[in-house]
Amino acid sequence: MVPAAEVERLRGERGEALSARNQLTGVVREVVIEGLLAQVEVDVTAPARVVAVITRQSAEELDLRPGVGVTAVVKATSVMIRR
């Protein structure tokens, strides 16, 4: 559960600026409600760029360089929906 104060902060209801930078704009594709939870699937509509800071060793082991295809895996404590 996300505390109500956090929801208010993200909505900007207390006049605070939103500091979160991993924001992807999109359109709701599906909402599945089960019990107390709702799963929201979003189609990202705006171009998005993900920046990762990894160890030099990992970059070298993966042989990373411009033009190489990769998958960015995002690990977060929570993903919230803002409207």
PDB file of N, CA and C in Angstrom:
ATOM      1  N   MET A   1       0.839  -1.184   0.000  1.00  0.00           N
ATOM      2  CA  MET A   1       0.000   0.000   0.000  1.00  0.00           C
ATOM      3  C   MET A   1       0.880   1.243   0.000  1.00  0.00           C
ATOM      4  N   VAL A   2       0.452   2.247  -0.731  1.00  0.00           N
ATOM      5  CA  VAL A   2       1.163   3.522  -0.768  1.00  0.00           C
ATOM      6  C   VAL A   2       0.442   4.474   0.179  1.00  0.00           C
ATOM      7  N   PRO A   3       1.182   5.093   1.105  1.00  0.00           N
ATOM      8  CA  PRO A   3       0.550   6.018   2.050  1.00  0.00           C
ATOM      9  C   PRO A   3      -0.132   7.181   1.327  1.00  0.00           C
ATOM     10  N   ALA A   4      -1.243   7.646   1.880  1.00  0.00           N
ATOM     11  CA  ALA A   4      -2.003   8.747   1.278  1.00  0.00           C
ATOM     12  C   ALA A   4      -1.130   9.984   1.101  1.00  0.00           C
ATOM     13  N   ALA A   5      -0.234  10.247   2.039  1.00  0.00           N
ATOM     14  CA  ALA A   5       0.648  11.413   1.942  1.00  0.00           C
ATOM     15  C   ALA A   5       1.534  11.333   0.699  1.00  0.00           C
ATOM     16  N   GLU A   6       1.965  10.122   0.343  1.00  0.00           N
ATOM     17  CA  GLU A   6       2.800   9.949  -0.850  1.00  0.00           C
ATOM     18  C   GLU A   6       1.980  10.195  -2.107  1.00  0.00           C
ATOM     19  N   VAL A   7       0.755   9.727  -2.140  1.00  0.00           N
ATOM     20  CA  VAL A   7      -0.125   9.976  -3.284  1.00  0.00           C
ATOM     21  C   VAL A   7      -0.359  11.471  -3.434  1.00  0.00           C
ATOM     22  N   GLU A   8      -0.634  12.158  -2.340  1.00  0.00           N
ATOM     23  CA  GLU A   8      -0.829  13.605  -2.379  1.00  0.00           C
ATOM     24  C   GLU A   8       0.422  14.309  -2.887  1.00  0.00           C
ATOM     25  N   ARG A   9       1.588  13.868  -2.440  1.00  0.00           N
ATOM     26  CA  ARG A   9       2.840  14.487  -2.870  1.00  0.00           C
ATOM     27  C   ARG A   9       3.036  14.331  -4.371  1.00  0.00           C
ATOM     28  N   LEU A  10       2.769  13.123  -4.886  1.00  0.00           N
ATOM     29  CA  LEU A  10       2.939  12.876  -6.308  1.00  0.00           C
ATOM     30  C   LEU A  10       1.930  13.635  -7.159  1.00  0.00           C
ATOM     31  N   ARG A  11       0.760  13.835  -6.623  1.00  0.00           N
ATOM     32  CA  ARG A  11      -0.258  14.607  -7.336  1.00  0.00           C
ATOM     33  C   ARG A  11       0.028  16.098  -7.295  1.00  0.00           C
ATOM     34  N   GLY A  12       0.911  16.501  -6.385  1.00  0.00           N
ATOM     35  CA  GLY A  12       1.218  17.914  -6.249  1.00  0.00           C
ATOM     36  C   GLY A  12       0.177  18.658  -5.451  1.00  0.00           C
ATOM     37  N   GLU A  13      -0.606  17.933  -4.667  1.00  0.00           N
ATOM     38  CA  GLU A  13      -1.690  18.553  -3.917  1.00  0.00           C
ATOM     39  C   GLU A  13      -1.191  19.392  -2.754  1.00  0.00           C
ATOM     40  N   ARG A  14       0.064  19.220  -2.383  1.00  0.00           N
ATOM     41  CA  ARG A  14       0.608  20.009  -1.289  1.00  0.00           C
ATOM     42  C   ARG A  14       1.555  21.078  -1.821  1.00  0.00           C
ATOM     43  N   GLY A  15       1.502  21.329  -3.122  1.00  0.00           N
ATOM     44  CA  GLY A  15       2.319  22.363  -3.713  1.00  0.00           C
ATOM     45  C   GLY A  15       3.785  22.001  -3.856  1.00  0.00           C
ATOM     46  N   GLU A  16       4.145  20.734  -3.698  1.00  0.00           N
ATOM     47  CA  GLU A  16       5.523  20.299  -3.818  1.00  0.00           C
ATOM     48  C   GLU A  16       5.830  19.908  -5.252  1.00  0.00           C
ATOM     49  N   ALA A  17       7.056  20.136  -5.659  1.00  0.00           N
ATOM     50  CA  ALA A  17       7.488  19.714  -6.983  1.00  0.00           C
ATOM     51  C   ALA A  17       7.754  18.209  -6.963  1.00  0.00           C
ATOM     52  N   LEU A  18       7.475  17.565  -8.072  1.00  0.00           N
ATOM     53  CA  LEU A  18       7.708  16.126  -8.188  1.00  0.00           C
ATOM     54  C   LEU A  18       9.153  15.895  -8.577  1.00  0.00           C
ATOM     55  N   SER A  19       9.886  15.144  -7.772  1.00  0.00           N
ATOM     56  CA  SER A  19      11.306  14.927  -8.035  1.00  0.00           C
ATOM     57  C   SER A  19      11.583  13.674  -8.866  1.00  0.00           C
ATOM     58  N   ALA A  20      10.616  12.796  -8.983  1.00  0.00           N
ATOM     59  CA  ALA A  20      10.831  11.556  -9.729  1.00  0.00           C
ATOM     60  C   ALA A  20      11.099  11.873 -11.192  1.00  0.00           C
ATOM     61  N   ARG A  21      12.127  11.246 -11.751  1.00  0.00           N
ATOM     62  CA  ARG A  21      12.500  11.508 -13.137  1.00  0.00           C
ATOM     63  C   ARG A  21      12.137  10.366 -14.083  1.00  0.00           C
ATOM     64  N   ASN A  22      11.887   9.163 -13.568  1.00  0.00           N
ATOM     65  CA  ASN A  22      11.536   8.047 -14.445  1.00  0.00           C
ATOM     66  C   ASN A  22      10.043   8.107 -14.725  1.00  0.00           C
ATOM     67  N   GLN A  23       9.651   9.014 -15.585  1.00  0.00           N
ATOM     68  CA  GLN A  23       8.245   9.180 -15.910  1.00  0.00           C
ATOM     69  C   GLN A  23       8.036   8.878 -17.386  1.00  0.00           C
ATOM     70  N   LEU A  24       7.140   7.951 -17.665  1.00  0.00           N
ATOM     71  CA  LEU A  24       6.834   7.554 -19.037  1.00  0.00           C
ATOM     72  C   LEU A  24       5.380   7.893 -19.327  1.00  0.00           C
ATOM     73  N   THR A  25       5.155   8.745 -20.297  1.00  0.00           N
ATOM     74  CA  THR A  25       3.803   9.159 -20.663  1.00  0.00           C
ATOM     75  C   THR A  25       3.169   8.105 -21.563  1.00  0.00           C
ATOM     76  N   GLY A  26       1.884   7.837 -21.335  1.00  0.00           N
ATOM     77  CA  GLY A  26       1.225   6.830 -22.147  1.00  0.00           C
ATOM     78  C   GLY A  26      -0.276   6.851 -22.001  1.00  0.00           C
ATOM     79  N   VAL A  27      -0.900   5.816 -22.532  1.00  0.00           N
ATOM     80  CA  VAL A  27      -2.352   5.660 -22.524  1.00  0.00           C
ATOM     81  C   VAL A  27      -2.682   4.328 -21.859  1.00  0.00           C
ATOM     82  N   VAL A  28      -3.682   4.345 -20.990  1.00  0.00           N
ATOM     83  CA  VAL A  28      -4.082   3.113 -20.308  1.00  0.00           C
ATOM     84  C   VAL A  28      -4.628   2.124 -21.321  1.00  0.00           C
ATOM     85  N   ARG A  29      -4.060   0.941 -21.326  1.00  0.00           N
ATOM     86  CA  ARG A  29      -4.522  -0.123 -22.216  1.00  0.00           C
ATOM     87  C   ARG A  29      -5.538  -1.007 -21.512  1.00  0.00           C
ATOM     88  N   GLU A  30      -5.267  -1.306 -20.229  1.00  0.00           N
ATOM     89  CA  GLU A  30      -6.143  -2.229 -19.512  1.00  0.00           C
ATOM     90  C   GLU A  30      -6.033  -1.979 -18.014  1.00  0.00           C
ATOM     91  N   VAL A  31      -7.143  -2.157 -17.326  1.00  0.00           N
ATOM     92  CA  VAL A  31      -7.182  -2.095 -15.867  1.00  0.00           C
ATOM     93  C   VAL A  31      -7.830  -3.378 -15.380  1.00  0.00           C
ATOM     94  N   VAL A  32      -7.091  -4.143 -14.565  1.00  0.00           N
ATOM     95  CA  VAL A  32      -7.610  -5.387 -14.006  1.00  0.00           C
ATOM     96  C   VAL A  32      -7.690  -5.199 -12.495  1.00  0.00           C
ATOM     97  N   ILE A  33      -8.915  -5.266 -11.970  1.00  0.00           N
ATOM     98  CA  ILE A  33      -9.123  -5.069 -10.535  1.00  0.00           C
ATOM     99  C   ILE A  33      -9.404  -6.407  -9.885  1.00  0.00           C
ATOM    100  N   GLU A  34      -8.594  -6.700  -8.854  1.00  0.00           N
ATOM    101  CA  GLU A  34      -8.775  -7.924  -8.079  1.00  0.00           C
ATOM    102  C   GLU A  34      -8.639  -7.569  -6.613  1.00  0.00           C
ATOM    103  N   GLY A  35      -9.717  -7.681  -5.881  1.00  0.00           N
ATOM    104  CA  GLY A  35      -9.683  -7.357  -4.453  1.00  0.00           C
ATOM    105  C   GLY A  35      -9.326  -5.903  -4.218  1.00  0.00           C
ATOM    106  N   LEU A  36      -8.285  -5.666  -3.423  1.00  0.00           N
ATOM    107  CA  LEU A  36      -7.877  -4.311  -3.089  1.00  0.00           C
ATOM    108  C   LEU A  36      -6.909  -3.700  -4.093  1.00  0.00           C
ATOM    109  N   LEU A  37      -6.474  -4.476  -5.081  1.00  0.00           N
ATOM    110  CA  LEU A  37      -5.471  -4.000  -6.020  1.00  0.00           C
ATOM    111  C   LEU A  37      -6.011  -3.849  -7.428  1.00  0.00           C
ATOM    112  N   ALA A  38      -5.386  -2.949  -8.176  1.00  0.00           N
ATOM    113  CA  ALA A  38      -5.704  -2.779  -9.594  1.00  0.00           C
ATOM    114  C   ALA A  38      -4.408  -2.811 -10.372  1.00  0.00           C
ATOM    115  N   GLN A  39      -4.347  -3.642 -11.407  1.00  0.00           N
ATOM    116  CA  GLN A  39      -3.185  -3.695 -12.289  1.00  0.00           C
ATOM    117  C   GLN A  39      -3.492  -2.818 -13.493  1.00  0.00           C
ATOM    118  N   VAL A  40      -2.628  -1.851 -13.764  1.00  0.00           N
ATOM    119  CA  VAL A  40      -2.844  -0.901 -14.854  1.00  0.00           C
ATOM    120  C   VAL A  40      -1.755  -1.113 -15.899  1.00  0.00           C
ATOM    121  N   GLU A  41      -2.157  -1.436 -17.127  1.00  0.00           N
ATOM    122  CA  GLU A  41      -1.217  -1.609 -18.222  1.00  0.00           C
ATOM    123  C   GLU A  41      -1.232  -0.346 -19.060  1.00  0.00           C
ATOM    124  N   VAL A  42      -0.047   0.211 -19.321  1.00  0.00           N
ATOM    125  CA  VAL A  42       0.069   1.483 -20.034  1.00  0.00           C
ATOM    126  C   VAL A  42       0.892   1.296 -21.298  1.00  0.00           C
ATOM    127  N   ASP A  43       0.376   1.775 -22.427  1.00  0.00           N
ATOM    128  CA  ASP A  43       1.149   1.833 -23.665  1.00  0.00           C
ATOM    129  C   ASP A  43       1.900   3.157 -23.655  1.00  0.00           C
ATOM    130  N   VAL A  44       3.213   3.114 -23.644  1.00  0.00           N
ATOM    131  CA  VAL A  44       4.016   4.331 -23.630  1.00  0.00           C
ATOM    132  C   VAL A  44       3.919   4.985 -25.004  1.00  0.00           C
ATOM    133  N   THR A  45       3.529   6.280 -25.010  1.00  0.00           N
ATOM    134  CA  THR A  45       3.322   6.982 -26.274  1.00  0.00           C
ATOM    135  C   THR A  45       4.429   7.972 -26.602  1.00  0.00           C
ATOM    136  N   ALA A  46       5.094   8.472 -25.590  1.00  0.00           N
ATOM    137  CA  ALA A  46       6.156   9.444 -25.829  1.00  0.00           C
ATOM    138  C   ALA A  46       7.484   8.716 -25.990  1.00  0.00           C
ATOM    139  N   PRO A  47       8.357   9.260 -26.803  1.00  0.00           N
ATOM    140  CA  PRO A  47       9.690   8.644 -26.877  1.00  0.00           C
ATOM    141  C   PRO A  47      10.308   8.621 -25.485  1.00  0.00           C
ATOM    142  N   ALA A  48      11.008   7.574 -25.189  1.00  0.00           N
ATOM    143  CA  ALA A  48      11.602   7.444 -23.858  1.00  0.00           C
ATOM    144  C   ALA A  48      13.064   7.045 -23.987  1.00  0.00           C
ATOM    145  N   ARG A  49      13.866   7.543 -23.067  1.00  0.00           N
ATOM    146  CA  ARG A  49      15.274   7.166 -22.997  1.00  0.00           C
ATOM    147  C   ARG A  49      15.560   6.756 -21.558  1.00  0.00           C
ATOM    148  N   VAL A  50      16.219   5.631 -21.397  1.00  0.00           N
ATOM    149  CA  VAL A  50      16.573   5.140 -20.075  1.00  0.00           C
ATOM    150  C   VAL A  50      18.091   5.233 -19.944  1.00  0.00           C
ATOM    151  N   VAL A  51      18.549   5.782 -18.827  1.00  0.00           N
ATOM    152  CA  VAL A  51      19.980   5.895 -18.565  1.00  0.00           C
ATOM    153  C   VAL A  51      20.311   5.018 -17.365  1.00  0.00           C
ATOM    154  N   ALA A  52      21.312   4.178 -17.514  1.00  0.00           N
ATOM    155  CA  ALA A  52      21.727   3.288 -16.431  1.00  0.00           C
ATOM    156  C   ALA A  52      23.169   3.591 -16.054  1.00  0.00           C
ATOM    157  N   VAL A  53      23.458   3.550 -14.774  1.00  0.00           N
ATOM    158  CA  VAL A  53      24.832   3.657 -14.287  1.00  0.00           C
ATOM    159  C   VAL A  53      25.217   2.269 -13.801  1.00  0.00           C
ATOM    160  N   ILE A  54      26.205   1.687 -14.468  1.00  0.00           N
ATOM    161  CA  ILE A  54      26.645   0.336 -14.139  1.00  0.00           C
ATOM    162  C   ILE A  54      28.159   0.359 -13.913  1.00  0.00           C
ATOM    163  N   THR A  55      28.694  -0.726 -13.430  1.00  0.00           N
ATOM    164  CA  THR A  55      30.135  -0.778 -13.205  1.00  0.00           C
ATOM    165  C   THR A  55      30.878  -0.870 -14.534  1.00  0.00           C
ATOM    166  N   ARG A  56      32.104  -0.402 -14.513  1.00  0.00           N
ATOM    167  CA  ARG A  56      32.953  -0.495 -15.699  1.00  0.00           C
ATOM    168  C   ARG A  56      33.116  -1.952 -16.116  1.00  0.00           C
ATOM    169  N   GLN A  57      33.292  -2.828 -15.115  1.00  0.00           N
ATOM    170  CA  GLN A  57      33.464  -4.255 -15.392  1.00  0.00           C
ATOM    171  C   GLN A  57      32.254  -4.804 -16.156  1.00  0.00           C
ATOM    172  N   SER A  58      31.045  -4.430 -15.726  1.00  0.00           N
ATOM    173  CA  SER A  58      29.842  -4.907 -16.409  1.00  0.00           C
ATOM    174  C   SER A  58      29.786  -4.389 -17.840  1.00  0.00           C
ATOM    175  N   ALA A  59      30.116  -3.117 -18.037  1.00  0.00           N
ATOM    176  CA  ALA A  59      30.100  -2.538 -19.387  1.00  0.00           C
ATOM    177  C   ALA A  59      31.082  -3.260 -20.301  1.00  0.00           C
ATOM    178  N   GLU A  60      32.245  -3.586 -19.755  1.00  0.00           N
ATOM    179  CA  GLU A  60      33.254  -4.288 -20.553  1.00  0.00           C
ATOM    180  C   GLU A  60      32.834  -5.731 -20.833  1.00  0.00           C
ATOM    181  N   GLU A  61      32.285  -6.402 -19.829  1.00  0.00           N
ATOM    182  CA  GLU A  61      31.852  -7.795 -20.013  1.00  0.00           C
ATOM    183  C   GLU A  61      30.726  -7.889 -21.035  1.00  0.00           C
ATOM    184  N   LEU A  62      29.846  -6.879 -21.050  1.00  0.00           N
ATOM    185  CA  LEU A  62      28.739  -6.863 -22.000  1.00  0.00           C
ATOM    186  C   LEU A  62      29.160  -6.301 -23.357  1.00  0.00           C
ATOM    187  N   ASP A  63      30.400  -5.820 -23.444  1.00  0.00           N
ATOM    188  CA  ASP A  63      30.937  -5.228 -24.666  1.00  0.00           C
ATOM    189  C   ASP A  63      30.004  -4.123 -25.195  1.00  0.00           C
ATOM    190  N   LEU A  64      29.632  -3.215 -24.283  1.00  0.00           N
ATOM    191  CA  LEU A  64      28.687  -2.153 -24.639  1.00  0.00           C
ATOM    192  C   LEU A  64      29.371  -1.056 -25.445  1.00  0.00           C
ATOM    193  N   ARG A  65      28.689  -0.601 -26.498  1.00  0.00           N
ATOM    194  CA  ARG A  65      29.141   0.504 -27.335  1.00  0.00           C
ATOM    195  C   ARG A  65      27.930   1.012 -28.104  1.00  0.00           C
ATOM    196  N   PRO A  66      27.969   2.225 -28.617  1.00  0.00           N
ATOM    197  CA  PRO A  66      26.827   2.767 -29.358  1.00  0.00           C
ATOM    198  C   PRO A  66      26.396   1.829 -30.486  1.00  0.00           C
ATOM    199  N   GLY A  67      25.081   1.632 -30.589  1.00  0.00           N
ATOM    200  CA  GLY A  67      24.519   0.801 -31.644  1.00  0.00           C
ATOM    201  C   GLY A  67      24.253  -0.636 -31.253  1.00  0.00           C
ATOM    202  N   VAL A  68      24.750  -1.078 -30.091  1.00  0.00           N
ATOM    203  CA  VAL A  68      24.534  -2.463 -29.639  1.00  0.00           C
ATOM    204  C   VAL A  68      23.141  -2.577 -29.030  1.00  0.00           C
ATOM    205  N   GLY A  69      22.363  -3.559 -29.409  1.00  0.00           N
ATOM    206  CA  GLY A  69      21.032  -3.778 -28.851  1.00  0.00           C
ATOM    207  C   GLY A  69      21.118  -4.326 -27.430  1.00  0.00           C
ATOM    208  N   VAL A  70      20.303  -3.797 -26.533  1.00  0.00           N
ATOM    209  CA  VAL A  70      20.279  -4.242 -25.138  1.00  0.00           C
ATOM    210  C   VAL A  70      18.844  -4.213 -24.621  1.00  0.00           C
ATOM    211  N   THR A  71      18.642  -4.759 -23.442  1.00  0.00           N
ATOM    212  CA  THR A  71      17.383  -4.651 -22.720  1.00  0.00           C
ATOM    213  C   THR A  71      17.665  -3.933 -21.414  1.00  0.00           C
ATOM    214  N   ALA A  72      16.974  -2.828 -21.171  1.00  0.00           N
ATOM    215  CA  ALA A  72      17.113  -2.104 -19.906  1.00  0.00           C
ATOM    216  C   ALA A  72      16.117  -2.701 -18.923  1.00  0.00           C
ATOM    217  N   VAL A  73      16.604  -3.172 -17.795  1.00  0.00           N
ATOM    218  CA  VAL A  73      15.753  -3.742 -16.762  1.00  0.00           C
ATOM    219  C   VAL A  73      15.648  -2.716 -15.645  1.00  0.00           C
ATOM    220  N   VAL A  74      14.430  -2.258 -15.352  1.00  0.00           N
ATOM    221  CA  VAL A  74      14.206  -1.227 -14.342  1.00  0.00           C
ATOM    222  C   VAL A  74      13.774  -1.890 -13.050  1.00  0.00           C
ATOM    223  N   LYS A  75      14.500  -1.607 -11.983  1.00  0.00           N
ATOM    224  CA  LYS A  75      14.162  -2.141 -10.665  1.00  0.00           C
ATOM    225  C   LYS A  75      13.706  -0.953  -9.832  1.00  0.00           C
ATOM    226  N   ALA A  76      12.494  -1.004  -9.336  1.00  0.00           N
ATOM    227  CA  ALA A  76      11.962   0.112  -8.557  1.00  0.00           C
ATOM    228  C   ALA A  76      11.171  -0.428  -7.373  1.00  0.00           C
ATOM    229  N   THR A  77      11.082   0.396  -6.335  1.00  0.00           N
ATOM    230  CA  THR A  77      10.289  -0.024  -5.193  1.00  0.00           C
ATOM    231  C   THR A  77       8.807   0.101  -5.470  1.00  0.00           C
ATOM    232  N   SER A  78       8.447   0.988  -6.394  1.00  0.00           N
ATOM    233  CA  SER A  78       7.042   1.119  -6.763  1.00  0.00           C
ATOM    234  C   SER A  78       6.915   1.848  -8.081  1.00  0.00           C
ATOM    235  N   VAL A  79       5.825   1.571  -8.788  1.00  0.00           N
ATOM    236  CA  VAL A  79       5.458   2.290 -10.005  1.00  0.00           C
ATOM    237  C   VAL A  79       4.060   2.825  -9.750  1.00  0.00           C
ATOM    238  N   MET A  80       3.901   4.133  -9.869  1.00  0.00           N
ATOM    239  CA  MET A  80       2.606   4.765  -9.604  1.00  0.00           C
ATOM    240  C   MET A  80       2.031   5.366 -10.869  1.00  0.00           C
ATOM    241  N   ILE A  81       0.734   5.518 -10.893  1.00  0.00           N
ATOM    242  CA  ILE A  81       0.043   6.125 -12.025  1.00  0.00           C
ATOM    243  C   ILE A  81      -0.347   7.537 -11.647  1.00  0.00           C
ATOM    244  N   ARG A  82      -0.059   8.469 -12.516  1.00  0.00           N
ATOM    245  CA  ARG A  82      -0.400   9.878 -12.291  1.00  0.00           C
ATOM    246  C   ARG A  82      -1.220  10.344 -13.474  1.00  0.00           C
ATOM    247  N   ARG A  83      -2.224  11.134 -13.198  1.00  0.00           N
ATOM    248  CA  ARG A  83      -3.077  11.604 -14.298  1.00  0.00           C
ATOM    249  C   ARG A  83      -3.161  13.095 -14.268  1.00  0.00           C
TER     250      ARG A  83
END
